[in-house]
């Protein structure tokens, strides 16, 4: 399940009011999520969660659910 925190980061970068994210949601399904915004979203996520992604981790991501799972593994508990 996508956390509200991650949803807020993505919506903020894309300047969207709301979007119904599901674990299976891909970038192509979200308005305005192109390759440049992808980098901006990943950077914003790293800043929000105080984590760093490796290139190989990012390349393997296929959907928002996989991004959430990666964050859950890397981020310290709140």
N, C-alpha and C. Protein backbone atom coordinates (compact mmCIF):
# COMPACT_ATOMS: atom_id res chain seq x y z
N UNK A 1 0.84 -1.18 0.00
CA UNK A 1 0.00 0.00 0.00
C UNK A 1 0.89 1.25 0.00
N UNK A 2 0.51 2.22 -0.79
CA UNK A 2 1.29 3.44 -0.91
C UNK A 2 0.98 4.34 0.29
N UNK A 3 2.03 4.79 0.96
CA UNK A 3 1.83 5.64 2.13
C UNK A 3 1.39 7.04 1.70
N UNK A 4 0.70 7.71 2.59
CA UNK A 4 0.28 9.09 2.32
C UNK A 4 1.51 9.97 2.16
N UNK A 5 2.56 9.66 2.89
CA UNK A 5 3.80 10.45 2.82
C UNK A 5 4.40 10.38 1.42
N UNK A 6 4.51 9.18 0.85
CA UNK A 6 5.04 9.03 -0.50
C UNK A 6 4.10 9.70 -1.50
N UNK A 7 2.82 9.48 -1.34
CA UNK A 7 1.84 10.10 -2.24
C UNK A 7 2.00 11.62 -2.25
N UNK A 8 2.17 12.20 -1.08
CA UNK A 8 2.32 13.66 -0.99
C UNK A 8 3.58 14.14 -1.70
N UNK A 9 4.66 13.39 -1.59
CA UNK A 9 5.91 13.76 -2.28
C UNK A 9 5.68 13.76 -3.79
N UNK A 10 5.09 12.69 -4.30
CA UNK A 10 4.87 12.57 -5.75
C UNK A 10 3.93 13.66 -6.24
N UNK A 11 2.82 13.85 -5.53
CA UNK A 11 1.86 14.87 -5.93
C UNK A 11 2.49 16.26 -5.92
N UNK A 12 3.33 16.52 -4.94
CA UNK A 12 3.99 17.82 -4.85
C UNK A 12 4.91 18.09 -6.02
N UNK A 13 5.69 17.10 -6.40
CA UNK A 13 6.61 17.26 -7.53
C UNK A 13 5.84 17.44 -8.84
N UNK A 14 4.75 16.71 -8.99
CA UNK A 14 3.98 16.76 -10.23
C UNK A 14 2.94 17.88 -10.23
N UNK A 15 2.82 18.61 -9.11
CA UNK A 15 1.85 19.69 -8.99
C UNK A 15 0.42 19.21 -9.27
N UNK A 16 0.10 18.05 -8.69
CA UNK A 16 -1.24 17.48 -8.81
C UNK A 16 -1.95 17.61 -7.47
N UNK A 17 -3.26 17.80 -7.52
CA UNK A 17 -4.03 17.87 -6.28
C UNK A 17 -4.25 16.49 -5.70
N UNK A 18 -4.54 15.50 -6.56
CA UNK A 18 -4.78 14.15 -6.08
C UNK A 18 -4.62 13.17 -7.24
N UNK A 19 -4.37 11.93 -6.88
CA UNK A 19 -4.30 10.84 -7.84
C UNK A 19 -4.48 9.56 -7.05
N UNK A 20 -5.22 8.62 -7.59
CA UNK A 20 -5.48 7.35 -6.91
C UNK A 20 -4.35 6.37 -7.20
N UNK A 21 -3.28 6.44 -6.39
CA UNK A 21 -2.15 5.54 -6.58
C UNK A 21 -2.48 4.16 -6.06
N UNK A 22 -2.10 3.16 -6.83
CA UNK A 22 -2.18 1.77 -6.41
C UNK A 22 -0.77 1.21 -6.48
N UNK A 23 -0.54 0.07 -5.88
CA UNK A 23 0.79 -0.53 -5.93
C UNK A 23 1.24 -0.75 -7.37
N UNK A 24 0.31 -1.05 -8.25
CA UNK A 24 0.65 -1.36 -9.64
C UNK A 24 0.75 -0.14 -10.54
N UNK A 25 0.53 1.06 -10.01
CA UNK A 25 0.59 2.28 -10.82
C UNK A 25 1.99 2.50 -11.37
N UNK A 26 2.06 2.74 -12.68
CA UNK A 26 3.34 3.04 -13.32
C UNK A 26 3.40 4.52 -13.65
N UNK A 27 4.59 5.00 -13.92
CA UNK A 27 4.80 6.41 -14.24
C UNK A 27 3.96 6.83 -15.44
N UNK A 28 3.84 5.97 -16.42
CA UNK A 28 3.09 6.31 -17.64
C UNK A 28 1.61 6.57 -17.37
N UNK A 29 1.10 6.08 -16.26
CA UNK A 29 -0.31 6.25 -15.93
C UNK A 29 -0.60 7.56 -15.18
N UNK A 30 0.44 8.24 -14.75
CA UNK A 30 0.27 9.44 -13.93
C UNK A 30 0.52 10.68 -14.79
N UNK A 31 -0.44 11.61 -14.83
CA UNK A 31 -0.27 12.82 -15.64
C UNK A 31 0.98 13.61 -15.25
N UNK A 32 1.79 13.92 -16.25
CA UNK A 32 2.97 14.74 -16.03
C UNK A 32 4.22 14.00 -15.57
N UNK A 33 4.11 12.70 -15.34
CA UNK A 33 5.28 11.93 -14.86
C UNK A 33 6.08 11.47 -16.06
N UNK A 34 7.05 12.29 -16.46
CA UNK A 34 7.94 11.95 -17.56
C UNK A 34 9.34 11.66 -17.01
N UNK A 35 10.31 11.51 -17.88
CA UNK A 35 11.65 11.13 -17.44
C UNK A 35 12.30 12.20 -16.56
N UNK A 36 12.07 13.46 -16.85
CA UNK A 36 12.65 14.53 -16.03
C UNK A 36 11.98 14.58 -14.66
N UNK A 37 10.66 14.42 -14.64
CA UNK A 37 9.94 14.41 -13.36
C UNK A 37 10.30 13.17 -12.55
N UNK A 38 10.64 12.09 -13.23
CA UNK A 38 11.05 10.86 -12.55
C UNK A 38 12.28 11.13 -11.68
N UNK A 39 13.25 11.80 -12.25
CA UNK A 39 14.46 12.15 -11.51
C UNK A 39 14.11 13.08 -10.35
N UNK A 40 13.24 14.05 -10.59
CA UNK A 40 12.84 14.98 -9.54
C UNK A 40 12.10 14.26 -8.42
N UNK A 41 11.25 13.30 -8.77
CA UNK A 41 10.52 12.53 -7.75
C UNK A 41 11.50 11.71 -6.92
N UNK A 42 12.43 11.03 -7.55
CA UNK A 42 13.39 10.22 -6.80
C UNK A 42 14.25 11.08 -5.87
N UNK A 43 14.65 12.25 -6.35
CA UNK A 43 15.43 13.18 -5.53
C UNK A 43 14.61 13.66 -4.34
N UNK A 44 13.35 14.01 -4.59
CA UNK A 44 12.47 14.47 -3.52
C UNK A 44 12.22 13.36 -2.49
N UNK A 45 12.08 12.13 -2.96
CA UNK A 45 11.90 10.99 -2.05
C UNK A 45 13.14 10.80 -1.19
N UNK A 46 14.31 10.87 -1.81
CA UNK A 46 15.56 10.74 -1.05
C UNK A 46 15.65 11.80 0.05
N UNK A 47 15.27 13.02 -0.29
CA UNK A 47 15.32 14.11 0.70
C UNK A 47 14.28 13.91 1.80
N UNK A 48 13.07 13.56 1.42
CA UNK A 48 11.99 13.38 2.39
C UNK A 48 12.30 12.28 3.41
N UNK A 49 12.87 11.19 2.92
CA UNK A 49 13.12 10.03 3.77
C UNK A 49 14.56 9.93 4.28
N UNK A 50 15.41 10.87 3.89
CA UNK A 50 16.83 10.87 4.27
C UNK A 50 17.50 9.55 3.91
N UNK A 51 17.29 9.13 2.65
CA UNK A 51 17.89 7.90 2.14
C UNK A 51 18.56 8.21 0.80
N UNK A 52 19.32 7.26 0.30
CA UNK A 52 19.96 7.38 -1.01
C UNK A 52 19.67 6.11 -1.80
N UNK A 53 19.32 6.30 -3.07
CA UNK A 53 19.10 5.17 -3.96
C UNK A 53 20.35 4.93 -4.78
N UNK A 54 20.61 3.68 -5.07
CA UNK A 54 21.66 3.32 -6.02
C UNK A 54 21.03 3.20 -7.40
N UNK A 55 21.82 3.43 -8.42
CA UNK A 55 21.31 3.38 -9.80
C UNK A 55 20.62 2.07 -10.11
N UNK A 56 21.20 0.97 -9.73
CA UNK A 56 20.62 -0.34 -10.01
C UNK A 56 19.27 -0.51 -9.34
N UNK A 57 19.11 0.03 -8.14
CA UNK A 57 17.83 -0.05 -7.44
C UNK A 57 16.75 0.70 -8.23
N UNK A 58 17.11 1.87 -8.72
CA UNK A 58 16.16 2.71 -9.45
C UNK A 58 15.79 2.07 -10.78
N UNK A 59 16.75 1.51 -11.46
CA UNK A 59 16.50 0.89 -12.76
C UNK A 59 15.51 -0.28 -12.63
N UNK A 60 15.57 -0.98 -11.52
CA UNK A 60 14.71 -2.15 -11.31
C UNK A 60 13.27 -1.80 -10.93
N UNK A 61 13.00 -0.55 -10.59
CA UNK A 61 11.66 -0.17 -10.17
C UNK A 61 10.69 -0.23 -11.35
N UNK A 62 9.56 -0.89 -11.15
CA UNK A 62 8.59 -1.01 -12.22
C UNK A 62 7.28 -0.27 -11.95
N UNK A 63 7.03 0.02 -10.67
CA UNK A 63 5.78 0.69 -10.32
C UNK A 63 5.92 1.36 -8.95
N UNK A 64 4.89 2.07 -8.56
CA UNK A 64 4.93 2.83 -7.31
C UNK A 64 5.01 1.90 -6.10
N UNK A 65 4.39 0.74 -6.19
CA UNK A 65 4.46 -0.22 -5.09
C UNK A 65 5.89 -0.69 -4.84
N UNK A 66 6.65 -0.88 -5.89
CA UNK A 66 8.06 -1.28 -5.74
C UNK A 66 8.88 -0.14 -5.15
N UNK A 67 8.55 1.10 -5.51
CA UNK A 67 9.22 2.25 -4.91
C UNK A 67 8.92 2.30 -3.42
N UNK A 68 7.66 2.09 -3.04
CA UNK A 68 7.30 2.09 -1.62
C UNK A 68 8.04 0.99 -0.86
N UNK A 69 8.14 -0.19 -1.46
CA UNK A 69 8.84 -1.30 -0.82
C UNK A 69 10.32 -0.97 -0.63
N UNK A 70 10.93 -0.33 -1.61
CA UNK A 70 12.33 0.06 -1.51
C UNK A 70 12.52 1.09 -0.40
N UNK A 71 11.63 2.06 -0.34
CA UNK A 71 11.68 3.05 0.74
C UNK A 71 11.56 2.36 2.10
N UNK A 72 10.62 1.44 2.21
CA UNK A 72 10.39 0.74 3.47
C UNK A 72 11.63 -0.03 3.93
N UNK A 73 12.38 -0.56 2.97
CA UNK A 73 13.62 -1.28 3.33
C UNK A 73 14.74 -0.34 3.73
N UNK A 74 14.80 0.84 3.14
CA UNK A 74 15.92 1.74 3.36
C UNK A 74 15.71 2.78 4.45
N UNK A 75 14.48 3.22 4.64
CA UNK A 75 14.22 4.34 5.55
C UNK A 75 14.20 3.86 7.01
N UNK A 76 14.78 4.68 7.86
CA UNK A 76 14.68 4.34 9.30
C UNK A 76 13.24 4.50 9.76
N UNK A 77 12.83 3.72 10.75
CA UNK A 77 11.45 3.83 11.25
C UNK A 77 11.19 5.24 11.81
N UNK A 78 9.97 5.69 11.60
CA UNK A 78 9.60 7.05 12.07
C UNK A 78 9.10 6.98 13.49
